[in-house]
């Protein structure tokens, strides 16, 4: 989805269930990089008993994003995040 804000251009937003990294965190990072979004909204972004937490790998691979995490939900943005409520 691309949101067009009057007078300030557009912002590309992508949402994805990363399914706890089951497809491999690096593969997920490569796919997210390819869509070139400004904001990433990730669900199921936590480890399970058999799968390690994918977020540290995503943070290392996507260094141009700022990550904010709340449980299994992550917002990663190329733009500053002023506050989280």
PDB file of N, CA and C in Angstrom:
ATOM      1  N   UNK A   1       0.851  -1.157   0.000  1.00  0.00           N
ATOM      2  CA  UNK A   1       0.000   0.000   0.000  1.00  0.00           C
ATOM      3  C   UNK A   1       0.901   1.225   0.000  1.00  0.00           C
ATOM      4  N   UNK A   2       0.540   2.196  -0.777  1.00  0.00           N
ATOM      5  CA  UNK A   2       1.247   3.468  -0.783  1.00  0.00           C
ATOM      6  C   UNK A   2       0.279   4.554  -0.370  1.00  0.00           C
ATOM      7  N   UNK A   3       0.650   5.316   0.637  1.00  0.00           N
ATOM      8  CA  UNK A   3      -0.185   6.402   1.135  1.00  0.00           C
ATOM      9  C   UNK A   3       0.354   7.699   0.578  1.00  0.00           C
ATOM     10  N   UNK A   4      -0.516   8.479  -0.041  1.00  0.00           N
ATOM     11  CA  UNK A   4      -0.123   9.774  -0.581  1.00  0.00           C
ATOM     12  C   UNK A   4      -0.593  10.860   0.376  1.00  0.00           C
ATOM     13  N   UNK A   5       0.349  11.532   0.977  1.00  0.00           N
ATOM     14  CA  UNK A   5       0.048  12.612   1.908  1.00  0.00           C
ATOM     15  C   UNK A   5       0.072  13.934   1.154  1.00  0.00           C
ATOM     16  N   UNK A   6      -0.977  14.725   1.269  1.00  0.00           N
ATOM     17  CA  UNK A   6      -1.003  15.994   0.533  1.00  0.00           C
ATOM     18  C   UNK A   6       0.226  16.854   0.819  1.00  0.00           C
ATOM     19  N   UNK A   7       0.936  17.228  -0.238  1.00  0.00           N
ATOM     20  CA  UNK A   7       2.058  18.130  -0.104  1.00  0.00           C
ATOM     21  C   UNK A   7       3.363  17.516   0.359  1.00  0.00           C
ATOM     22  N   UNK A   8       3.371  16.238   0.716  1.00  0.00           N
ATOM     23  CA  UNK A   8       4.619  15.683   1.226  1.00  0.00           C
ATOM     24  C   UNK A   8       5.044  14.398   0.520  1.00  0.00           C
ATOM     25  N   UNK A   9       4.506  14.119  -0.648  1.00  0.00           N
ATOM     26  CA  UNK A   9       4.907  12.919  -1.370  1.00  0.00           C
ATOM     27  C   UNK A   9       4.154  11.698  -0.903  1.00  0.00           C
ATOM     28  N   UNK A  10       4.759  10.542  -1.023  1.00  0.00           N
ATOM     29  CA  UNK A  10       4.083   9.306  -0.652  1.00  0.00           C
ATOM     30  C   UNK A  10       4.937   8.487   0.302  1.00  0.00           C
ATOM     31  N   UNK A  11       4.264   7.594   0.996  1.00  0.00           N
ATOM     32  CA  UNK A  11       4.916   6.681   1.933  1.00  0.00           C
ATOM     33  C   UNK A  11       4.458   5.274   1.586  1.00  0.00           C
ATOM     34  N   UNK A  12       5.391   4.383   1.379  1.00  0.00           N
ATOM     35  CA  UNK A  12       5.064   2.992   1.058  1.00  0.00           C
ATOM     36  C   UNK A  12       5.092   2.175   2.343  1.00  0.00           C
ATOM     37  N   UNK A  13       3.956   1.501   2.632  1.00  0.00           N
ATOM     38  CA  UNK A  13       3.809   0.707   3.847  1.00  0.00           C
ATOM     39  C   UNK A  13       3.582  -0.747   3.457  1.00  0.00           C
ATOM     40  N   UNK A  14       4.304  -1.655   4.107  1.00  0.00           N
ATOM     41  CA  UNK A  14       4.150  -3.082   3.860  1.00  0.00           C
ATOM     42  C   UNK A  14       3.857  -3.773   5.184  1.00  0.00           C
ATOM     43  N   UNK A  15       2.912  -4.694   5.155  1.00  0.00           N
ATOM     44  CA  UNK A  15       2.623  -5.509   6.328  1.00  0.00           C
ATOM     45  C   UNK A  15       2.875  -6.972   5.974  1.00  0.00           C
ATOM     46  N   UNK A  16       3.415  -7.712   6.939  1.00  0.00           N
ATOM     47  CA  UNK A  16       3.782  -9.101   6.681  1.00  0.00           C
ATOM     48  C   UNK A  16       3.772  -9.900   7.970  1.00  0.00           C
ATOM     49  N   UNK A  17       3.191 -11.085   7.918  1.00  0.00           N
ATOM     50  CA  UNK A  17       3.358 -12.041   9.014  1.00  0.00           C
ATOM     51  C   UNK A  17       4.631 -12.819   8.710  1.00  0.00           C
ATOM     52  N   UNK A  18       5.622 -12.681   9.556  1.00  0.00           N
ATOM     53  CA  UNK A  18       6.891 -13.370   9.319  1.00  0.00           C
ATOM     54  C   UNK A  18       6.871 -14.789   9.859  1.00  0.00           C
ATOM     55  N   UNK A  19       5.738 -15.195  10.434  1.00  0.00           N
ATOM     56  CA  UNK A  19       5.524 -16.567  10.920  1.00  0.00           C
ATOM     57  C   UNK A  19       6.713 -17.065  11.742  1.00  0.00           C
ATOM     58  N   UNK A  20       7.157 -16.216  12.665  1.00  0.00           N
ATOM     59  CA  UNK A  20       8.209 -16.550  13.631  1.00  0.00           C
ATOM     60  C   UNK A  20       9.544 -16.879  12.957  1.00  0.00           C
ATOM     61  N   UNK A  21       9.719 -16.411  11.737  1.00  0.00           N
ATOM     62  CA  UNK A  21      10.981 -16.642  11.031  1.00  0.00           C
ATOM     63  C   UNK A  21      11.098 -18.015  10.409  1.00  0.00           C
ATOM     64  N   UNK A  22       9.973 -18.711  10.236  1.00  0.00           N
ATOM     65  CA  UNK A  22      10.009 -20.096   9.746  1.00  0.00           C
ATOM     66  C   UNK A  22      10.654 -20.227   8.369  1.00  0.00           C
ATOM     67  N   UNK A  23      10.555 -19.204   7.536  1.00  0.00           N
ATOM     68  CA  UNK A  23      11.173 -19.262   6.200  1.00  0.00           C
ATOM     69  C   UNK A  23      12.627 -18.792   6.216  1.00  0.00           C
ATOM     70  N   UNK A  24      13.107 -18.455   7.390  1.00  0.00           N
ATOM     71  CA  UNK A  24      14.486 -18.001   7.536  1.00  0.00           C
ATOM     72  C   UNK A  24      14.562 -16.489   7.588  1.00  0.00           C
ATOM     73  N   UNK A  25      15.121 -15.948   8.664  1.00  0.00           N
ATOM     74  CA  UNK A  25      15.169 -14.499   8.832  1.00  0.00           C
ATOM     75  C   UNK A  25      15.900 -13.768   7.711  1.00  0.00           C
ATOM     76  N   UNK A  26      16.954 -14.340   7.180  1.00  0.00           N
ATOM     77  CA  UNK A  26      17.681 -13.661   6.099  1.00  0.00           C
ATOM     78  C   UNK A  26      16.847 -13.617   4.833  1.00  0.00           C
ATOM     79  N   UNK A  27      16.126 -14.666   4.552  1.00  0.00           N
ATOM     80  CA  UNK A  27      15.240 -14.689   3.378  1.00  0.00           C
ATOM     81  C   UNK A  27      14.133 -13.641   3.524  1.00  0.00           C
ATOM     82  N   UNK A  28      13.599 -13.514   4.724  1.00  0.00           N
ATOM     83  CA  UNK A  28      12.574 -12.501   4.996  1.00  0.00           C
ATOM     84  C   UNK A  28      13.163 -11.104   4.799  1.00  0.00           C
ATOM     85  N   UNK A  29      14.355 -10.881   5.334  1.00  0.00           N
ATOM     86  CA  UNK A  29      15.016  -9.576   5.190  1.00  0.00           C
ATOM     87  C   UNK A  29      15.246  -9.247   3.719  1.00  0.00           C
ATOM     88  N   UNK A  30      15.664 -10.215   2.935  1.00  0.00           N
ATOM     89  CA  UNK A  30      15.892  -9.988   1.503  1.00  0.00           C
ATOM     90  C   UNK A  30      14.592  -9.594   0.802  1.00  0.00           C
ATOM     91  N   UNK A  31      13.500 -10.267   1.142  1.00  0.00           N
ATOM     92  CA  UNK A  31      12.205  -9.954   0.534  1.00  0.00           C
ATOM     93  C   UNK A  31      11.741  -8.558   0.944  1.00  0.00           C
ATOM     94  N   UNK A  32      11.926  -8.206   2.214  1.00  0.00           N
ATOM     95  CA  UNK A  32      11.515  -6.878   2.678  1.00  0.00           C
ATOM     96  C   UNK A  32      12.352  -5.785   2.023  1.00  0.00           C
ATOM     97  N   UNK A  33      13.624  -6.025   1.866  1.00  0.00           N
ATOM     98  CA  UNK A  33      14.493  -5.049   1.204  1.00  0.00           C
ATOM     99  C   UNK A  33      14.049  -4.845  -0.252  1.00  0.00           C
ATOM    100  N   UNK A  34      13.635  -5.922  -0.898  1.00  0.00           N
ATOM    101  CA  UNK A  34      13.242  -5.858  -2.313  1.00  0.00           C
ATOM    102  C   UNK A  34      11.991  -5.017  -2.541  1.00  0.00           C
ATOM    103  N   UNK A  35      11.077  -4.967  -1.565  1.00  0.00           N
ATOM    104  CA  UNK A  35       9.857  -4.175  -1.760  1.00  0.00           C
ATOM    105  C   UNK A  35      10.091  -2.689  -1.533  1.00  0.00           C
ATOM    106  N   UNK A  36      11.225  -2.352  -0.930  1.00  0.00           N
ATOM    107  CA  UNK A  36      11.639  -0.954  -0.767  1.00  0.00           C
ATOM    108  C   UNK A  36      10.576  -0.087  -0.073  1.00  0.00           C
ATOM    109  N   UNK A  37      10.009  -0.590   0.998  1.00  0.00           N
ATOM    110  CA  UNK A  37       8.983   0.150   1.738  1.00  0.00           C
ATOM    111  C   UNK A  37       9.619   1.158   2.684  1.00  0.00           C
ATOM    112  N   UNK A  38       8.852   2.184   3.017  1.00  0.00           N
ATOM    113  CA  UNK A  38       9.287   3.162   4.011  1.00  0.00           C
ATOM    114  C   UNK A  38       8.997   2.673   5.427  1.00  0.00           C
ATOM    115  N   UNK A  39       7.882   1.957   5.571  1.00  0.00           N
ATOM    116  CA  UNK A  39       7.460   1.454   6.875  1.00  0.00           C
ATOM    117  C   UNK A  39       7.091  -0.010   6.735  1.00  0.00           C
ATOM    118  N   UNK A  40       7.611  -0.829   7.653  1.00  0.00           N
ATOM    119  CA  UNK A  40       7.307  -2.257   7.697  1.00  0.00           C
ATOM    120  C   UNK A  40       6.502  -2.548   8.954  1.00  0.00           C
ATOM    121  N   UNK A  41       5.387  -3.233   8.805  1.00  0.00           N
ATOM    122  CA  UNK A  41       4.569  -3.667   9.938  1.00  0.00           C
ATOM    123  C   UNK A  41       4.615  -5.189   9.954  1.00  0.00           C
ATOM    124  N   UNK A  42       5.279  -5.742  10.942  1.00  0.00           N
ATOM    125  CA  UNK A  42       5.512  -7.181  10.988  1.00  0.00           C
ATOM    126  C   UNK A  42       4.741  -7.813  12.136  1.00  0.00           C
ATOM    127  N   UNK A  43       4.073  -8.925  11.843  1.00  0.00           N
ATOM    128  CA  UNK A  43       3.366  -9.684  12.856  1.00  0.00           C
ATOM    129  C   UNK A  43       4.037 -11.044  13.021  1.00  0.00           C
ATOM    130  N   UNK A  44       3.756 -11.696  14.132  1.00  0.00           N
ATOM    131  CA  UNK A  44       4.344 -13.002  14.458  1.00  0.00           C
ATOM    132  C   UNK A  44       5.865 -12.933  14.403  1.00  0.00           C
ATOM    133  N   UNK A  45       6.413 -11.823  14.871  1.00  0.00           N
ATOM    134  CA  UNK A  45       7.859 -11.589  14.816  1.00  0.00           C
ATOM    135  C   UNK A  45       8.501 -11.912  16.158  1.00  0.00           C
ATOM    136  N   UNK A  46       8.364 -13.148  16.560  1.00  0.00           N
ATOM    137  CA  UNK A  46       9.000 -13.599  17.803  1.00  0.00           C
ATOM    138  C   UNK A  46       9.419 -15.050  17.611  1.00  0.00           C
ATOM    139  N   UNK A  47      10.307 -15.507  18.463  1.00  0.00           N
ATOM    140  CA  UNK A  47      10.737 -16.883  18.382  1.00  0.00           C
ATOM    141  C   UNK A  47       9.695 -17.809  18.994  1.00  0.00           C
ATOM    142  N   UNK A  48       9.855 -19.083  18.735  1.00  0.00           N
ATOM    143  CA  UNK A  48       9.007 -20.102  19.345  1.00  0.00           C
ATOM    144  C   UNK A  48       9.935 -21.106  20.012  1.00  0.00           C
ATOM    145  N   UNK A  49       9.383 -22.156  20.536  1.00  0.00           N
ATOM    146  CA  UNK A  49      10.223 -23.177  21.166  1.00  0.00           C
ATOM    147  C   UNK A  49      11.236 -23.789  20.222  1.00  0.00           C
ATOM    148  N   UNK A  50      10.888 -23.868  18.947  1.00  0.00           N
ATOM    149  CA  UNK A  50      11.803 -24.493  17.978  1.00  0.00           C
ATOM    150  C   UNK A  50      12.447 -23.517  17.013  1.00  0.00           C
ATOM    151  N   UNK A  51      11.966 -22.266  17.002  1.00  0.00           N
ATOM    152  CA  UNK A  51      12.513 -21.260  16.091  1.00  0.00           C
ATOM    153  C   UNK A  51      13.092 -20.087  16.876  1.00  0.00           C
ATOM    154  N   UNK A  52      14.309 -19.663  16.545  1.00  0.00           N
ATOM    155  CA  UNK A  52      14.890 -18.508  17.244  1.00  0.00           C
ATOM    156  C   UNK A  52      14.186 -17.215  16.838  1.00  0.00           C
ATOM    157  N   UNK A  53      14.326 -16.211  17.646  1.00  0.00           N
ATOM    158  CA  UNK A  53      13.750 -14.900  17.385  1.00  0.00           C
ATOM    159  C   UNK A  53      14.328 -14.342  16.088  1.00  0.00           C
ATOM    160  N   UNK A  54      13.486 -13.995  15.088  1.00  0.00           N
ATOM    161  CA  UNK A  54      14.005 -13.490  13.817  1.00  0.00           C
ATOM    162  C   UNK A  54      14.393 -12.010  13.845  1.00  0.00           C
ATOM    163  N   UNK A  55      13.946 -11.269  14.848  1.00  0.00           N
ATOM    164  CA  UNK A  55      14.128  -9.816  14.840  1.00  0.00           C
ATOM    165  C   UNK A  55      15.599  -9.390  14.875  1.00  0.00           C
ATOM    166  N   UNK A  56      16.457  -9.971  15.688  1.00  0.00           N
ATOM    167  CA  UNK A  56      17.865  -9.538  15.653  1.00  0.00           C
ATOM    168  C   UNK A  56      18.497  -9.655  14.263  1.00  0.00           C
ATOM    169  N   UNK A  57      18.180 -10.711  13.532  1.00  0.00           N
ATOM    170  CA  UNK A  57      18.710 -10.855  12.171  1.00  0.00           C
ATOM    171  C   UNK A  57      18.128  -9.796  11.251  1.00  0.00           C
ATOM    172  N   UNK A  58      16.828  -9.513  11.396  1.00  0.00           N
ATOM    173  CA  UNK A  58      16.201  -8.479  10.575  1.00  0.00           C
ATOM    174  C   UNK A  58      16.816  -7.113  10.858  1.00  0.00           C
ATOM    175  N   UNK A  59      17.046  -6.820  12.133  1.00  0.00           N
ATOM    176  CA  UNK A  59      17.673  -5.536  12.492  1.00  0.00           C
ATOM    177  C   UNK A  59      19.075  -5.417  11.903  1.00  0.00           C
ATOM    178  N   UNK A  60      19.829  -6.491  11.941  1.00  0.00           N
ATOM    179  CA  UNK A  60      21.199  -6.468  11.393  1.00  0.00           C
ATOM    180  C   UNK A  60      21.194  -6.325   9.877  1.00  0.00           C
ATOM    181  N   UNK A  61      20.212  -6.932   9.232  1.00  0.00           N
ATOM    182  CA  UNK A  61      20.164  -6.916   7.768  1.00  0.00           C
ATOM    183  C   UNK A  61      19.541  -5.640   7.208  1.00  0.00           C
ATOM    184  N   UNK A  62      18.650  -5.016   7.975  1.00  0.00           N
ATOM    185  CA  UNK A  62      17.914  -3.842   7.496  1.00  0.00           C
ATOM    186  C   UNK A  62      18.325  -2.622   8.313  1.00  0.00           C
ATOM    187  N   UNK A  63      19.570  -2.224   8.181  1.00  0.00           N
ATOM    188  CA  UNK A  63      20.137  -1.180   9.044  1.00  0.00           C
ATOM    189  C   UNK A  63      19.604   0.221   8.756  1.00  0.00           C
ATOM    190  N   UNK A  64      18.918   0.417   7.639  1.00  0.00           N
ATOM    191  CA  UNK A  64      18.376   1.742   7.347  1.00  0.00           C
ATOM    192  C   UNK A  64      16.989   1.943   7.964  1.00  0.00           C
ATOM    193  N   UNK A  65      16.534   0.975   8.762  1.00  0.00           N
ATOM    194  CA  UNK A  65      15.251   1.074   9.464  1.00  0.00           C
ATOM    195  C   UNK A  65      15.474   1.199  10.965  1.00  0.00           C
ATOM    196  N   UNK A  66      14.577   1.914  11.612  1.00  0.00           N
ATOM    197  CA  UNK A  66      14.524   1.964  13.083  1.00  0.00           C
ATOM    198  C   UNK A  66      13.445   0.992  13.511  1.00  0.00           C
ATOM    199  N   UNK A  67      13.756   0.101  14.431  1.00  0.00           N
ATOM    200  CA  UNK A  67      12.826  -0.940  14.868  1.00  0.00           C
ATOM    201  C   UNK A  67      12.206  -0.595  16.211  1.00  0.00           C
ATOM    202  N   UNK A  68      10.896  -0.779  16.292  1.00  0.00           N
ATOM    203  CA  UNK A  68      10.149  -0.664  17.538  1.00  0.00           C
ATOM    204  C   UNK A  68       9.388  -1.973  17.694  1.00  0.00           C
ATOM    205  N   UNK A  69       9.508  -2.567  18.867  1.00  0.00           N
ATOM    206  CA  UNK A  69       8.895  -3.873  19.077  1.00  0.00           C
ATOM    207  C   UNK A  69       7.953  -3.843  20.267  1.00  0.00           C
ATOM    208  N   UNK A  70       6.816  -4.507  20.095  1.00  0.00           N
ATOM    209  CA  UNK A  70       5.861  -4.707  21.180  1.00  0.00           C
ATOM    210  C   UNK A  70       5.422  -6.163  21.091  1.00  0.00           C
ATOM    211  N   UNK A  71       6.037  -7.004  21.910  1.00  0.00           N
ATOM    212  CA  UNK A  71       5.722  -8.438  21.863  1.00  0.00           C
ATOM    213  C   UNK A  71       6.097  -9.029  20.517  1.00  0.00           C
ATOM    214  N   UNK A  72       5.101  -9.618  19.837  1.00  0.00           N
ATOM    215  CA  UNK A  72       5.334 -10.257  18.545  1.00  0.00           C
ATOM    216  C   UNK A  72       5.075  -9.312  17.379  1.00  0.00           C
ATOM    217  N   UNK A  73       4.912  -8.023  17.667  1.00  0.00           N
ATOM    218  CA  UNK A  73       4.656  -7.027  16.632  1.00  0.00           C
ATOM    219  C   UNK A  73       5.839  -6.074  16.519  1.00  0.00           C
ATOM    220  N   UNK A  74       6.194  -5.749  15.279  1.00  0.00           N
ATOM    221  CA  UNK A  74       7.323  -4.855  15.024  1.00  0.00           C
ATOM    222  C   UNK A  74       6.901  -3.814  13.991  1.00  0.00           C
ATOM    223  N   UNK A  75       7.281  -2.583  14.252  1.00  0.00           N
ATOM    224  CA  UNK A  75       7.209  -1.543  13.232  1.00  0.00           C
ATOM    225  C   UNK A  75       8.645  -1.116  12.974  1.00  0.00           C
ATOM    226  N   UNK A  76       9.019  -1.140  11.707  1.00  0.00           N
ATOM    227  CA  UNK A  76      10.344  -0.699  11.297  1.00  0.00           C
ATOM    228  C   UNK A  76      10.139   0.435  10.299  1.00  0.00           C
ATOM    229  N   UNK A  77      10.827   1.538  10.526  1.00  0.00           N
ATOM    230  CA  UNK A  77      10.596   2.729   9.712  1.00  0.00           C
ATOM    231  C   UNK A  77      11.905   3.362   9.279  1.00  0.00           C
ATOM    232  N   UNK A  78      11.905   3.851   8.060  1.00  0.00           N
ATOM    233  CA  UNK A  78      13.037   4.641   7.576  1.00  0.00           C
ATOM    234  C   UNK A  78      12.914   6.085   8.034  1.00  0.00           C
ATOM    235  N   UNK A  79      11.769   6.437   8.561  1.00  0.00           N
ATOM    236  CA  UNK A  79      11.496   7.785   9.047  1.00  0.00           C
ATOM    237  C   UNK A  79      11.577   7.788  10.574  1.00  0.00           C
ATOM    238  N   UNK A  80      11.885   8.915  11.172  1.00  0.00           N
ATOM    239  CA  UNK A  80      11.932   8.980  12.634  1.00  0.00           C
ATOM    240  C   UNK A  80      10.585   8.602  13.252  1.00  0.00           C
ATOM    241  N   UNK A  81      10.654   7.919  14.358  1.00  0.00           N
ATOM    242  CA  UNK A  81       9.445   7.580  15.115  1.00  0.00           C
ATOM    243  C   UNK A  81       9.485   8.444  16.364  1.00  0.00           C
ATOM    244  N   UNK A  82       8.564   9.378  16.460  1.00  0.00           N
ATOM    245  CA  UNK A  82       8.555  10.324  17.572  1.00  0.00           C
ATOM    246  C   UNK A  82       8.061   9.707  18.874  1.00  0.00           C
ATOM    247  N   UNK A  83       7.021   8.885  18.760  1.00  0.00           N
ATOM    248  CA  UNK A  83       6.476   8.326  20.001  1.00  0.00           C
ATOM    249  C   UNK A  83       5.698   7.066  19.681  1.00  0.00           C
ATOM    250  N   UNK A  84       5.618   6.185  20.652  1.00  0.00           N
ATOM    251  CA  UNK A  84       4.848   4.948  20.543  1.00  0.00           C
ATOM    252  C   UNK A  84       3.910   4.890  21.719  1.00  0.00           C
ATOM    253  N   UNK A  85       2.649   4.661  21.418  1.00  0.00           N
ATOM    254  CA  UNK A  85       1.645   4.600  22.494  1.00  0.00           C
ATOM    255  C   UNK A  85       1.067   3.221  22.595  1.00  0.00           C
TER     256      UNK A  85
END
